[in-house]
Amino acid sequence: MWKRAVVGAVGALRRPFSSEGGGISTAVNSMLLRSLKDHYQEVAKMNMPPKVSPPSPFTIVKGALDSHGPVLKRSYGEEEVTVYVMRLLAPEDEDSATDQLFIHVDVFKPSQKESLIFLCGLYEDALGIHSVSMRPKLEDSGYLLIPSQYTGPVFADLDDKMRDAFHTYIEERGVNESLFKFLQAWLYVKEHRNLMRWFKTMGLFIDGKKPATGV
């Protein structure tokens, strides 16, 4: 649905127009505004997924829908565990696509200067660790800092016993496939909100109007 909506908006721009004549720009603007409005209204009619709560004891980070920061957080003893998420690119055949989420898990101890960072692939029935490293504590950004020192071996090169131990370590902190349904629904709502905002702010710019605060 997202692909059809965006392609429809872009497709409206592909008709050839001459740059000559004062009325051409107005005609293009009007055509584009109509297309943006139509697609905005189409997206607005899309049904949201049923509301899903995160597995206890995780809680939703305030303002997560409008930021690139963490989505979920919890305490585990003296540790603070936060989860960031994004969806990996799906195959072109959307009907046969297998949903996969890419999550970044930050395990932080107040007594330490760095966090233990897990980069994982999350499916509905499984969690796979791609890498484990130590990074400086991230305050309000979902982006990892570029390390200036050795970050450890390739995870796949570790022996089975150590890989299994890391999986047990992260699963003890509640990071497993039980998070999938919530994060999948959360991403759907976020993408819907972002797409609505894109159509609206694009239309306001073309029309020469200033967006309202918070748009």
Protein backbone atom coordinates (compact mmCIF):
# COMPACT_ATOMS: atom_id res chain seq x y z
CA MET A 1 0.00 0.00 0.00
CA TRP A 2 2.82 2.41 0.89
CA LYS A 3 4.54 1.62 -2.40
CA ARG A 4 1.40 2.24 -4.44
CA ALA A 5 0.70 5.53 -2.65
CA VAL A 6 4.20 6.92 -3.14
CA VAL A 7 4.51 5.67 -6.71
CA GLY A 8 1.17 7.28 -7.50
CA ALA A 9 2.35 10.63 -6.20
CA VAL A 10 5.64 10.44 -8.09
CA GLY A 11 3.96 9.20 -11.26
CA ALA A 12 1.95 12.41 -11.46
CA LEU A 13 5.21 14.31 -12.04
CA ARG A 14 6.25 12.39 -15.14
CA ARG A 15 4.22 14.20 -17.78
CA PRO A 16 6.37 16.41 -20.00
CA PHE A 17 5.87 20.15 -19.59
CA SER A 18 7.50 23.05 -21.34
CA SER A 19 9.23 25.64 -19.13
CA GLU A 20 7.94 28.44 -21.38
CA GLY A 21 4.86 30.47 -20.56
CA GLY A 22 3.75 32.04 -17.30
CA GLY A 23 0.75 29.73 -16.89
CA ILE A 24 2.73 26.48 -16.97
CA SER A 25 4.05 26.73 -13.40
CA THR A 26 0.57 27.38 -12.02
CA ALA A 27 -0.84 24.42 -13.97
CA VAL A 28 1.91 22.11 -12.68
CA ASN A 29 1.39 23.28 -9.10
CA SER A 30 -2.36 22.73 -9.33
CA MET A 31 -1.90 19.25 -10.78
CA LEU A 32 0.63 18.31 -8.12
CA LEU A 33 -1.52 19.70 -5.30
CA ARG A 34 -4.51 17.68 -6.50
CA SER A 35 -2.40 14.53 -6.62
CA LEU A 36 -0.96 15.14 -3.15
CA LYS A 37 -4.43 15.78 -1.74
CA ASP A 38 -5.85 12.62 -3.35
CA HIS A 39 -3.07 10.48 -1.97
CA TYR A 40 -3.29 12.12 1.46
CA GLN A 41 -6.98 11.27 1.60
CA GLU A 42 -6.31 7.72 0.42
CA VAL A 43 -3.68 7.14 3.11
CA ALA A 44 -5.93 8.73 5.74
CA LYS A 45 -8.54 6.01 5.09
CA MET A 46 -6.10 3.18 5.79
CA ASN A 47 -7.03 1.05 8.78
CA MET A 48 -4.60 1.00 11.66
CA PRO A 49 -3.58 -2.37 13.12
CA PRO A 50 -5.12 -3.40 16.45
CA LYS A 51 -3.39 -1.74 19.38
CA VAL A 52 -0.70 -4.02 20.83
CA SER A 53 1.01 -3.46 24.16
CA PRO A 54 4.69 -4.33 24.58
CA PRO A 55 5.49 -7.41 26.63
CA SER A 56 5.99 -6.62 30.32
CA PRO A 57 8.17 -5.16 31.79
CA PHE A 58 9.03 -3.12 28.67
CA THR A 59 7.44 0.32 28.39
CA ILE A 60 7.14 2.63 25.38
CA VAL A 61 9.57 5.54 25.32
CA LYS A 62 7.67 8.85 25.35
CA GLY A 63 7.79 10.60 21.94
CA ALA A 64 9.21 7.52 20.18
CA LEU A 65 6.84 7.86 17.20
CA ASP A 66 8.28 11.28 16.35
CA SER A 67 11.96 10.56 16.91
CA HIS A 68 14.80 8.31 15.77
CA GLY A 69 15.49 7.25 19.33
CA PRO A 70 14.61 4.13 21.32
CA VAL A 71 11.16 2.60 21.15
CA LEU A 72 11.16 0.44 24.29
CA LYS A 73 12.96 0.48 27.60
CA ARG A 74 13.12 -1.55 30.78
CA SER A 75 15.24 -2.02 33.87
CA TYR A 76 17.05 -5.28 34.53
CA GLY A 77 18.73 -5.14 37.91
CA GLU A 78 21.06 -2.14 37.72
CA GLU A 79 20.95 -2.18 33.92
CA GLU A 80 18.92 -0.04 31.55
CA VAL A 81 17.87 -1.90 28.39
CA THR A 82 16.61 0.09 25.39
CA VAL A 83 15.44 -1.18 22.00
CA TYR A 84 15.60 0.69 18.68
CA VAL A 85 13.94 -0.73 15.55
CA MET A 86 13.67 -0.43 11.78
CA ARG A 87 12.25 -2.68 9.07
CA LEU A 88 14.60 -4.21 6.55
CA LEU A 89 13.79 -3.82 2.85
CA ALA A 90 11.21 -6.36 1.72
CA PRO A 91 11.31 -8.30 -1.56
CA GLU A 92 9.58 -6.81 -4.58
CA ASP A 93 6.84 -9.44 -4.32
CA GLU A 94 5.01 -8.01 -1.32
CA ASP A 95 2.58 -10.92 -1.14
CA SER A 96 5.38 -13.38 -0.41
CA ALA A 97 7.51 -11.06 1.72
CA THR A 98 8.66 -12.33 5.10
CA ASP A 99 8.56 -9.57 7.67
CA GLN A 100 11.90 -8.97 9.32
CA LEU A 101 12.80 -6.22 11.75
CA PHE A 102 16.30 -4.94 12.42
CA ILE A 103 16.75 -4.06 16.08
CA HIS A 104 19.54 -2.39 18.03
CA VAL A 105 19.61 -3.24 21.73
CA ASP A 106 21.52 -1.03 24.16
CA VAL A 107 22.41 -2.55 27.55
CA PHE A 108 23.73 0.21 29.81
CA LYS A 109 25.12 0.17 33.37
CA PRO A 110 25.39 3.52 35.22
CA SER A 111 28.83 2.51 36.48
CA GLN A 112 30.17 2.01 32.95
CA LYS A 113 31.14 4.55 30.28
CA GLU A 114 30.09 2.33 27.40
CA SER A 115 27.02 0.29 26.49
CA LEU A 116 26.88 -3.29 25.27
CA ILE A 117 25.31 -3.10 21.82
CA PHE A 118 23.53 -5.95 20.05
CA LEU A 119 22.47 -5.65 16.41
CA CYS A 120 19.84 -8.29 15.68
CA GLY A 121 17.37 -9.53 13.09
CA LEU A 122 13.94 -10.15 14.60
CA TYR A 123 11.29 -12.43 13.12
CA GLU A 124 7.89 -13.51 14.41
CA ASP A 125 9.36 -16.79 15.63
CA ALA A 126 13.08 -16.13 16.05
CA LEU A 127 15.82 -13.66 16.96
CA GLY A 128 19.27 -13.71 15.37
CA ILE A 129 22.29 -11.74 16.60
CA HIS A 130 24.38 -10.10 13.86
CA SER A 131 26.99 -8.40 16.02
CA VAL A 132 27.97 -7.54 19.59
CA SER A 133 30.17 -4.58 20.48
CA MET A 134 30.91 -1.92 23.08
CA ARG A 135 30.00 1.66 22.16
CA PRO A 136 29.77 5.00 23.99
CA LYS A 137 26.39 5.60 25.64
CA LEU A 138 23.82 7.09 23.23
CA GLU A 139 21.72 9.84 24.78
CA ASP A 140 18.97 10.85 22.35
CA SER A 141 19.87 9.41 18.96
CA GLY A 142 19.15 6.10 17.33
CA TYR A 143 22.40 6.25 15.41
CA LEU A 144 25.46 4.37 16.58
CA LEU A 145 28.66 6.32 17.08
CA ILE A 146 31.51 5.31 14.79
CA PRO A 147 33.91 3.33 16.96
CA SER A 148 37.50 4.54 17.23
CA GLN A 149 38.84 1.25 18.51
CA TYR A 150 38.52 -2.50 17.97
CA THR A 151 34.90 -3.62 18.38
CA GLY A 152 35.43 -7.36 18.60
CA PRO A 153 35.35 -10.37 16.28
CA VAL A 154 32.69 -11.11 13.67
CA PHE A 155 29.83 -12.71 15.60
CA ALA A 156 29.51 -15.60 13.15
CA ASP A 157 33.17 -16.46 13.77
CA LEU A 158 32.58 -17.11 17.48
CA ASP A 159 32.18 -20.72 18.53
CA ASP A 160 28.72 -22.16 19.12
CA LYS A 161 29.05 -22.10 22.90
CA MET A 162 29.80 -18.37 23.03
CA ARG A 163 27.10 -17.50 20.49
CA ASP A 164 24.55 -19.47 22.51
CA ALA A 165 25.68 -17.70 25.69
CA PHE A 166 25.13 -14.27 24.08
CA HIS A 167 21.67 -15.36 22.92
CA THR A 168 20.84 -16.47 26.47
CA TYR A 169 22.20 -13.17 27.84
CA ILE A 170 19.96 -11.01 25.64
CA GLU A 171 16.92 -13.27 26.00
CA GLU A 172 17.18 -13.08 29.81
CA ARG A 173 16.64 -9.34 29.39
CA GLY A 174 13.37 -9.96 27.54
CA VAL A 175 14.69 -9.36 24.02
CA ASN A 176 13.20 -12.15 21.94
CA GLU A 177 10.49 -12.91 19.38
CA SER A 178 7.78 -11.81 21.85
CA LEU A 179 8.62 -8.20 20.89
CA PHE A 180 7.86 -8.77 17.20
CA LYS A 181 4.11 -8.15 17.06
CA PHE A 182 4.33 -4.92 19.05
CA LEU A 183 7.30 -3.54 17.07
CA GLN A 184 5.68 -4.52 13.76
CA ALA A 185 2.45 -2.68 14.66
CA TRP A 186 4.42 0.29 16.03
CA LEU A 187 6.39 0.61 12.78
CA TYR A 188 3.18 0.48 10.74
CA VAL A 189 1.74 3.39 12.72
CA LYS A 190 5.01 5.34 12.47
CA GLU A 191 5.24 4.83 8.70
CA HIS A 192 1.60 5.85 8.30
CA ARG A 193 2.19 9.02 10.34
CA ASN A 194 5.36 9.87 8.40
CA LEU A 195 3.63 9.37 5.05
CA MET A 196 0.68 11.56 6.10
CA ARG A 197 3.11 14.25 7.26
CA TRP A 198 5.08 14.01 3.98
CA PHE A 199 2.00 14.56 1.78
CA LYS A 200 0.80 17.42 3.99
CA THR A 201 4.10 19.33 4.28
CA MET A 202 4.82 18.83 0.57
CA GLY A 203 1.41 20.28 -0.29
CA LEU A 204 1.89 23.26 2.03
CA PHE A 205 5.26 24.00 0.44
CA ILE A 206 3.92 23.81 -3.13
CA ASP A 207 0.98 25.99 -2.12
CA GLY A 208 3.30 28.52 -0.47
CA LYS A 209 1.84 28.11 3.01
CA LYS A 210 3.73 27.72 6.28
CA PRO A 211 3.15 24.42 8.09
CA ALA A 212 1.55 24.66 11.50
CA THR A 213 3.72 23.93 14.54
CA GLY A 214 4.10 20.19 15.07
CA VAL A 215 3.19 19.18 11.47
